PDB file of N, CA and C in Angstrom:
ATOM      1  N   UNK A   1       0.834  -1.172   0.000  1.00  0.00           N
ATOM      2  CA  UNK A   1       0.000   0.000   0.000  1.00  0.00           C
ATOM      3  C   UNK A   1       0.886   1.245   0.000  1.00  0.00           C
ATOM      4  N   UNK A   2       0.503   2.255  -0.780  1.00  0.00           N
ATOM      5  CA  UNK A   2       1.310   3.465  -0.883  1.00  0.00           C
ATOM      6  C   UNK A   2       1.152   4.327   0.362  1.00  0.00           C
ATOM      7  N   UNK A   3       2.284   4.755   0.902  1.00  0.00           N
ATOM      8  CA  UNK A   3       2.281   5.613   2.086  1.00  0.00           C
ATOM      9  C   UNK A   3       3.121   6.841   1.747  1.00  0.00           C
ATOM     10  N   UNK A   4       2.581   8.019   2.006  1.00  0.00           N
ATOM     11  CA  UNK A   4       3.321   9.231   1.673  1.00  0.00           C
ATOM     12  C   UNK A   4       4.538   9.386   2.577  1.00  0.00           C
ATOM     13  N   UNK A   5       5.582   9.960   2.028  1.00  0.00           N
ATOM     14  CA  UNK A   5       6.833  10.096   2.772  1.00  0.00           C
ATOM     15  C   UNK A   5       6.717  11.153   3.868  1.00  0.00           C
ATOM     16  N   UNK A   6       6.053  12.267   3.535  1.00  0.00           N
ATOM     17  CA  UNK A   6       5.867  13.321   4.532  1.00  0.00           C
ATOM     18  C   UNK A   6       4.486  13.949   4.352  1.00  0.00           C
ATOM     19  N   UNK A   7       4.042  14.603   5.396  1.00  0.00           N
ATOM     20  CA  UNK A   7       2.717  15.204   5.400  1.00  0.00           C
ATOM     21  C   UNK A   7       2.674  16.407   4.450  1.00  0.00           C
ATOM     22  N   UNK A   8       1.578  16.549   3.717  1.00  0.00           N
ATOM     23  CA  UNK A   8       1.396  17.693   2.828  1.00  0.00           C
ATOM     24  C   UNK A   8       0.948  18.892   3.649  1.00  0.00           C
ATOM     25  N   UNK A   9       1.489  20.051   3.352  1.00  0.00           N
ATOM     26  CA  UNK A   9       1.145  21.261   4.100  1.00  0.00           C
ATOM     27  C   UNK A   9      -0.244  21.770   3.684  1.00  0.00           C
ATOM     28  N   UNK A  10      -0.801  22.682   4.485  1.00  0.00           N
ATOM     29  CA  UNK A  10      -2.103  23.276   4.176  1.00  0.00           C
ATOM     30  C   UNK A  10      -2.040  24.038   2.856  1.00  0.00           C
ATOM     31  N   UNK A  11      -0.891  24.644   2.593  1.00  0.00           N
ATOM     32  CA  UNK A  11      -0.708  25.403   1.364  1.00  0.00           C
ATOM     33  C   UNK A  11      -0.770  24.487   0.140  1.00  0.00           C
ATOM     34  N   UNK A  12      -0.051  23.380   0.181  1.00  0.00           N
ATOM     35  CA  UNK A  12      -0.061  22.443  -0.951  1.00  0.00           C
ATOM     36  C   UNK A  12      -1.446  21.841  -1.149  1.00  0.00           C
ATOM     37  N   UNK A  13      -2.121  21.539  -0.048  1.00  0.00           N
ATOM     38  CA  UNK A  13      -3.469  20.987  -0.129  1.00  0.00           C
ATOM     39  C   UNK A  13      -4.418  22.002  -0.773  1.00  0.00           C
ATOM     40  N   UNK A  14      -4.268  23.267  -0.377  1.00  0.00           N
ATOM     41  CA  UNK A  14      -5.109  24.319  -0.949  1.00  0.00           C
ATOM     42  C   UNK A  14      -4.848  24.534  -2.421  1.00  0.00           C
ATOM     43  N   UNK A  15      -3.567  24.469  -2.812  1.00  0.00           N
ATOM     44  CA  UNK A  15      -3.223  24.634  -4.226  1.00  0.00           C
ATOM     45  C   UNK A  15      -3.796  23.498  -5.063  1.00  0.00           C
ATOM     46  N   UNK A  16      -3.788  22.296  -4.525  1.00  0.00           N
ATOM     47  CA  UNK A  16      -4.341  21.155  -5.249  1.00  0.00           C
ATOM     48  C   UNK A  16      -5.851  21.313  -5.424  1.00  0.00           C
ATOM     49  N   UNK A  17      -6.519  21.848  -4.414  1.00  0.00           N
ATOM     50  CA  UNK A  17      -7.975  21.985  -4.440  1.00  0.00           C
ATOM     51  C   UNK A  17      -8.456  23.293  -5.071  1.00  0.00           C
ATOM     52  N   UNK A  18      -7.568  24.078  -5.609  1.00  0.00           N
ATOM     53  CA  UNK A  18      -7.945  25.398  -6.123  1.00  0.00           C
ATOM     54  C   UNK A  18      -8.925  25.316  -7.291  1.00  0.00           C
ATOM     55  N   UNK A  19      -8.952  24.220  -8.000  1.00  0.00           N
ATOM     56  CA  UNK A  19      -9.838  24.070  -9.150  1.00  0.00           C
ATOM     57  C   UNK A  19     -11.139  23.366  -8.793  1.00  0.00           C
ATOM     58  N   UNK A  20     -11.355  23.082  -7.535  1.00  0.00           N
ATOM     59  CA  UNK A  20     -12.549  22.351  -7.133  1.00  0.00           C
ATOM     60  C   UNK A  20     -13.750  23.249  -6.894  1.00  0.00           C
ATOM     61  N   UNK A  21     -13.575  24.555  -6.946  1.00  0.00           N
ATOM     62  CA  UNK A  21     -14.669  25.482  -6.662  1.00  0.00           C
ATOM     63  C   UNK A  21     -15.763  25.406  -7.708  1.00  0.00           C
ATOM     64  N   UNK A  22     -16.990  25.640  -7.286  1.00  0.00           N
ATOM     65  CA  UNK A  22     -18.121  25.612  -8.199  1.00  0.00           C
ATOM     66  C   UNK A  22     -18.356  26.998  -8.778  1.00  0.00           C
ATOM     67  N   UNK A  23     -18.749  27.042 -10.012  1.00  0.00           N
ATOM     68  CA  UNK A  23     -19.104  28.307 -10.637  1.00  0.00           C
ATOM     69  C   UNK A  23     -20.578  28.264 -11.022  1.00  0.00           C
ATOM     70  N   UNK A  24     -21.163  29.416 -11.142  1.00  0.00           N
ATOM     71  CA  UNK A  24     -22.574  29.500 -11.501  1.00  0.00           C
ATOM     72  C   UNK A  24     -22.796  29.140 -12.954  1.00  0.00           C
ATOM     73  N   UNK A  25     -24.031  28.828 -13.332  1.00  0.00           N
ATOM     74  CA  UNK A  25     -24.309  28.481 -14.725  1.00  0.00           C
ATOM     75  C   UNK A  25     -24.133  29.699 -15.626  1.00  0.00           C
ATOM     76  N   UNK A  26     -23.617  29.477 -16.825  1.00  0.00           N
ATOM     77  CA  UNK A  26     -23.438  30.587 -17.752  1.00  0.00           C
ATOM     78  C   UNK A  26     -24.784  30.924 -18.369  1.00  0.00           C
ATOM     79  N   UNK A  27     -25.113  32.197 -18.329  1.00  0.00           N
ATOM     80  CA  UNK A  27     -26.416  32.657 -18.799  1.00  0.00           C
ATOM     81  C   UNK A  27     -26.250  33.420 -20.107  1.00  0.00           C
ATOM     82  N   UNK A  28     -27.293  33.372 -20.935  1.00  0.00           N
ATOM     83  CA  UNK A  28     -27.329  34.119 -22.185  1.00  0.00           C
ATOM     84  C   UNK A  28     -28.496  35.091 -22.142  1.00  0.00           C
ATOM     85  N   UNK A  29     -28.409  36.135 -22.954  1.00  0.00           N
ATOM     86  CA  UNK A  29     -29.485  37.110 -23.079  1.00  0.00           C
ATOM     87  C   UNK A  29     -30.057  36.974 -24.477  1.00  0.00           C
ATOM     88  N   UNK A  30     -31.384  36.820 -24.571  1.00  0.00           N
ATOM     89  CA  UNK A  30     -32.037  36.673 -25.870  1.00  0.00           C
ATOM     90  C   UNK A  30     -31.938  37.982 -26.660  1.00  0.00           C
ATOM     91  N   UNK A  31     -31.750  37.882 -27.964  1.00  0.00           N
ATOM     92  CA  UNK A  31     -31.559  39.063 -28.800  1.00  0.00           C
ATOM     93  C   UNK A  31     -32.798  39.953 -28.850  1.00  0.00           C
ATOM     94  N   UNK A  32     -33.959  39.351 -29.030  1.00  0.00           N
ATOM     95  CA  UNK A  32     -35.158  40.148 -29.261  1.00  0.00           C
ATOM     96  C   UNK A  32     -35.846  40.582 -27.970  1.00  0.00           C
ATOM     97  N   UNK A  33     -36.002  39.669 -27.019  1.00  0.00           N
ATOM     98  CA  UNK A  33     -36.760  39.997 -25.816  1.00  0.00           C
ATOM     99  C   UNK A  33     -35.889  40.457 -24.664  1.00  0.00           C
ATOM    100  N   UNK A  34     -34.617  40.100 -24.650  1.00  0.00           N
ATOM    101  CA  UNK A  34     -33.729  40.506 -23.577  1.00  0.00           C
ATOM    102  C   UNK A  34     -33.834  39.664 -22.321  1.00  0.00           C
ATOM    103  N   UNK A  35     -34.552  38.538 -22.370  1.00  0.00           N
ATOM    104  CA  UNK A  35     -34.672  37.676 -21.203  1.00  0.00           C
ATOM    105  C   UNK A  35     -33.419  36.825 -21.054  1.00  0.00           C
ATOM    106  N   UNK A  36     -33.096  36.496 -19.812  1.00  0.00           N
ATOM    107  CA  UNK A  36     -31.927  35.665 -19.520  1.00  0.00           C
ATOM    108  C   UNK A  36     -32.347  34.204 -19.455  1.00  0.00           C
ATOM    109  N   UNK A  37     -31.489  33.326 -19.990  1.00  0.00           N
ATOM    110  CA  UNK A  37     -31.777  31.894 -19.975  1.00  0.00           C
ATOM    111  C   UNK A  37     -30.473  31.125 -20.002  1.00  0.00           C
ATOM    112  N   UNK A  38     -30.527  29.845 -19.704  1.00  0.00           N
ATOM    113  CA  UNK A  38     -29.353  28.988 -19.778  1.00  0.00           C
ATOM    114  C   UNK A  38     -28.912  28.854 -21.228  1.00  0.00           C
ATOM    115  N   UNK A  39     -27.620  28.700 -21.427  1.00  0.00           N
ATOM    116  CA  UNK A  39     -27.107  28.543 -22.783  1.00  0.00           C
ATOM    117  C   UNK A  39     -27.672  27.265 -23.400  1.00  0.00           C
ATOM    118  N   UNK A  40     -28.002  27.319 -24.682  1.00  0.00           N
ATOM    119  CA  UNK A  40     -28.540  26.189 -25.451  1.00  0.00           C
ATOM    120  C   UNK A  40     -29.887  25.718 -24.908  1.00  0.00           C
ATOM    121  N   UNK A  41     -30.646  26.594 -24.254  1.00  0.00           N
ATOM    122  CA  UNK A  41     -31.981  26.283 -23.772  1.00  0.00           C
ATOM    123  C   UNK A  41     -32.938  27.371 -24.252  1.00  0.00           C
ATOM    124  N   UNK A  42     -34.201  27.008 -24.377  1.00  0.00           N
ATOM    125  CA  UNK A  42     -35.233  27.963 -24.767  1.00  0.00           C
ATOM    126  C   UNK A  42     -35.559  28.833 -23.566  1.00  0.00           C
ATOM    127  N   UNK A  43     -35.775  30.121 -23.791  1.00  0.00           N
ATOM    128  CA  UNK A  43     -36.172  31.036 -22.718  1.00  0.00           C
ATOM    129  C   UNK A  43     -37.618  30.745 -22.319  1.00  0.00           C
ATOM    130  N   UNK A  44     -38.047  31.257 -21.159  1.00  0.00           N
ATOM    131  CA  UNK A  44     -39.397  30.986 -20.665  1.00  0.00           C
ATOM    132  C   UNK A  44     -40.480  31.536 -21.582  1.00  0.00           C
ATOM    133  N   UNK A  45     -40.167  32.589 -22.324  1.00  0.00           N
ATOM    134  CA  UNK A  45     -41.170  33.155 -23.227  1.00  0.00           C
ATOM    135  C   UNK A  45     -41.220  32.448 -24.576  1.00  0.00           C
ATOM    136  N   UNK A  46     -40.407  31.388 -24.772  1.00  0.00           N
ATOM    137  CA  UNK A  46     -40.479  30.574 -25.975  1.00  0.00           C
ATOM    138  C   UNK A  46     -39.509  30.976 -27.071  1.00  0.00           C
ATOM    139  N   UNK A  47     -38.618  31.913 -26.817  1.00  0.00           N
ATOM    140  CA  UNK A  47     -37.676  32.365 -27.831  1.00  0.00           C
ATOM    141  C   UNK A  47     -36.338  31.656 -27.679  1.00  0.00           C
ATOM    142  N   UNK A  48     -35.689  31.381 -28.819  1.00  0.00           N
ATOM    143  CA  UNK A  48     -34.349  30.798 -28.844  1.00  0.00           C
ATOM    144  C   UNK A  48     -33.595  31.430 -29.999  1.00  0.00           C
ATOM    145  N   UNK A  49     -32.492  32.070 -29.715  1.00  0.00           N
ATOM    146  CA  UNK A  49     -31.645  32.746 -30.699  1.00  0.00           C
ATOM    147  C   UNK A  49     -32.436  33.750 -31.537  1.00  0.00           C
ATOM    148  N   UNK A  50     -33.338  34.477 -30.911  1.00  0.00           N
ATOM    149  CA  UNK A  50     -34.089  35.525 -31.591  1.00  0.00           C
ATOM    150  C   UNK A  50     -35.325  35.059 -32.329  1.00  0.00           C
ATOM    151  N   UNK A  51     -35.593  33.763 -32.354  1.00  0.00           N
ATOM    152  CA  UNK A  51     -36.770  33.234 -33.054  1.00  0.00           C
ATOM    153  C   UNK A  51     -37.731  32.608 -32.056  1.00  0.00           C
ATOM    154  N   UNK A  52     -39.034  32.793 -32.286  1.00  0.00           N
ATOM    155  CA  UNK A  52     -40.025  32.164 -31.409  1.00  0.00           C
ATOM    156  C   UNK A  52     -40.144  30.700 -31.807  1.00  0.00           C
ATOM    157  N   UNK A  53     -39.755  29.812 -30.914  1.00  0.00           N
ATOM    158  CA  UNK A  53     -39.739  28.383 -31.198  1.00  0.00           C
ATOM    159  C   UNK A  53     -41.015  27.734 -30.676  1.00  0.00           C
ATOM    160  N   UNK A  54     -41.436  28.117 -29.485  1.00  0.00           N
ATOM    161  CA  UNK A  54     -42.599  27.534 -28.841  1.00  0.00           C
ATOM    162  C   UNK A  54     -43.513  28.669 -28.417  1.00  0.00           C
ATOM    163  N   UNK A  55     -44.817  28.489 -28.619  1.00  0.00           N
ATOM    164  CA  UNK A  55     -45.763  29.498 -28.150  1.00  0.00           C
ATOM    165  C   UNK A  55     -45.748  29.513 -26.628  1.00  0.00           C
ATOM    166  N   UNK A  56     -45.704  30.700 -26.006  1.00  0.00           N
ATOM    167  CA  UNK A  56     -45.632  30.749 -24.536  1.00  0.00           C
ATOM    168  C   UNK A  56     -46.914  30.239 -23.898  1.00  0.00           C
ATOM    169  N   UNK A  57     -46.754  29.601 -22.735  1.00  0.00           N
ATOM    170  CA  UNK A  57     -47.904  29.099 -22.000  1.00  0.00           C
ATOM    171  C   UNK A  57     -48.565  30.247 -21.250  1.00  0.00           C
ATOM    172  N   UNK A  58     -49.885  30.383 -21.396  1.00  0.00           N
ATOM    173  CA  UNK A  58     -50.627  31.423 -20.699  1.00  0.00           C
ATOM    174  C   UNK A  58     -51.617  30.736 -19.776  1.00  0.00           C
ATOM    175  N   UNK A  59     -51.615  31.142 -18.506  1.00  0.00           N
ATOM    176  CA  UNK A  59     -52.520  30.528 -17.551  1.00  0.00           C
ATOM    177  C   UNK A  59     -53.959  30.947 -17.828  1.00  0.00           C
ATOM    178  N   UNK A  60     -54.919  30.075 -17.471  1.00  0.00           N
ATOM    179  CA  UNK A  60     -56.328  30.350 -17.713  1.00  0.00           C
ATOM    180  C   UNK A  60     -56.804  31.567 -16.937  1.00  0.00           C
ATOM    181  N   UNK A  61     -56.279  31.788 -15.745  1.00  0.00           N
ATOM    182  CA  UNK A  61     -56.696  32.919 -14.930  1.00  0.00           C
ATOM    183  C   UNK A  61     -56.393  34.243 -15.635  1.00  0.00           C
ATOM    184  N   UNK A  62     -55.241  34.329 -16.258  1.00  0.00           N
ATOM    185  CA  UNK A  62     -54.868  35.556 -16.949  1.00  0.00           C
ATOM    186  C   UNK A  62     -55.732  35.762 -18.190  1.00  0.00           C
ATOM    187  N   UNK A  63     -56.102  34.689 -18.891  1.00  0.00           N
ATOM    188  CA  UNK A  63     -56.970  34.826 -20.061  1.00  0.00           C
ATOM    189  C   UNK A  63     -58.339  35.349 -19.661  1.00  0.00           C
ATOM    190  N   UNK A  64     -58.904  34.842 -18.549  1.00  0.00           N
ATOM    191  CA  UNK A  64     -60.218  35.286 -18.099  1.00  0.00           C
ATOM    192  C   UNK A  64     -60.191  36.748 -17.703  1.00  0.00           C
ATOM    193  N   UNK A  65     -59.116  37.210 -17.068  1.00  0.00           N
ATOM    194  CA  UNK A  65     -59.012  38.609 -16.662  1.00  0.00           C
ATOM    195  C   UNK A  65     -58.903  39.518 -17.879  1.00  0.00           C
ATOM    196  N   UNK A  66     -58.207  39.081 -18.902  1.00  0.00           N
ATOM    197  CA  UNK A  66     -58.033  39.912 -20.084  1.00  0.00           C
ATOM    198  C   UNK A  66     -59.316  39.995 -20.905  1.00  0.00           C
ATOM    199  N   UNK A  67     -60.183  38.993 -20.837  1.00  0.00           N
ATOM    200  CA  UNK A  67     -61.436  39.004 -21.597  1.00  0.00           C
ATOM    201  C   UNK A  67     -62.479  39.912 -20.950  1.00  0.00           C
ATOM    202  N   UNK A  68     -62.450  40.055 -19.632  1.00  0.00           N
ATOM    203  CA  UNK A  68     -63.468  40.899 -18.970  1.00  0.00           C
ATOM    204  C   UNK A  68     -63.082  42.336 -18.905  1.00  0.00           C
TER     205      UNK A  68
END
């Protein structure tokens, strides 16, 4: 079994772990609407790369309010 010759210092341990930090997801801004979304994903309003790909979902409550 491998046994280290000497103990690693806190500094060396920290340098080894320097790349282990987590970063936040990279976000994109849509060209036409300006909404933020994950890269390579459709925005909540249904736009992707400036084109409407999916019609946005509208709740029934909002439709009833707009009709009256």
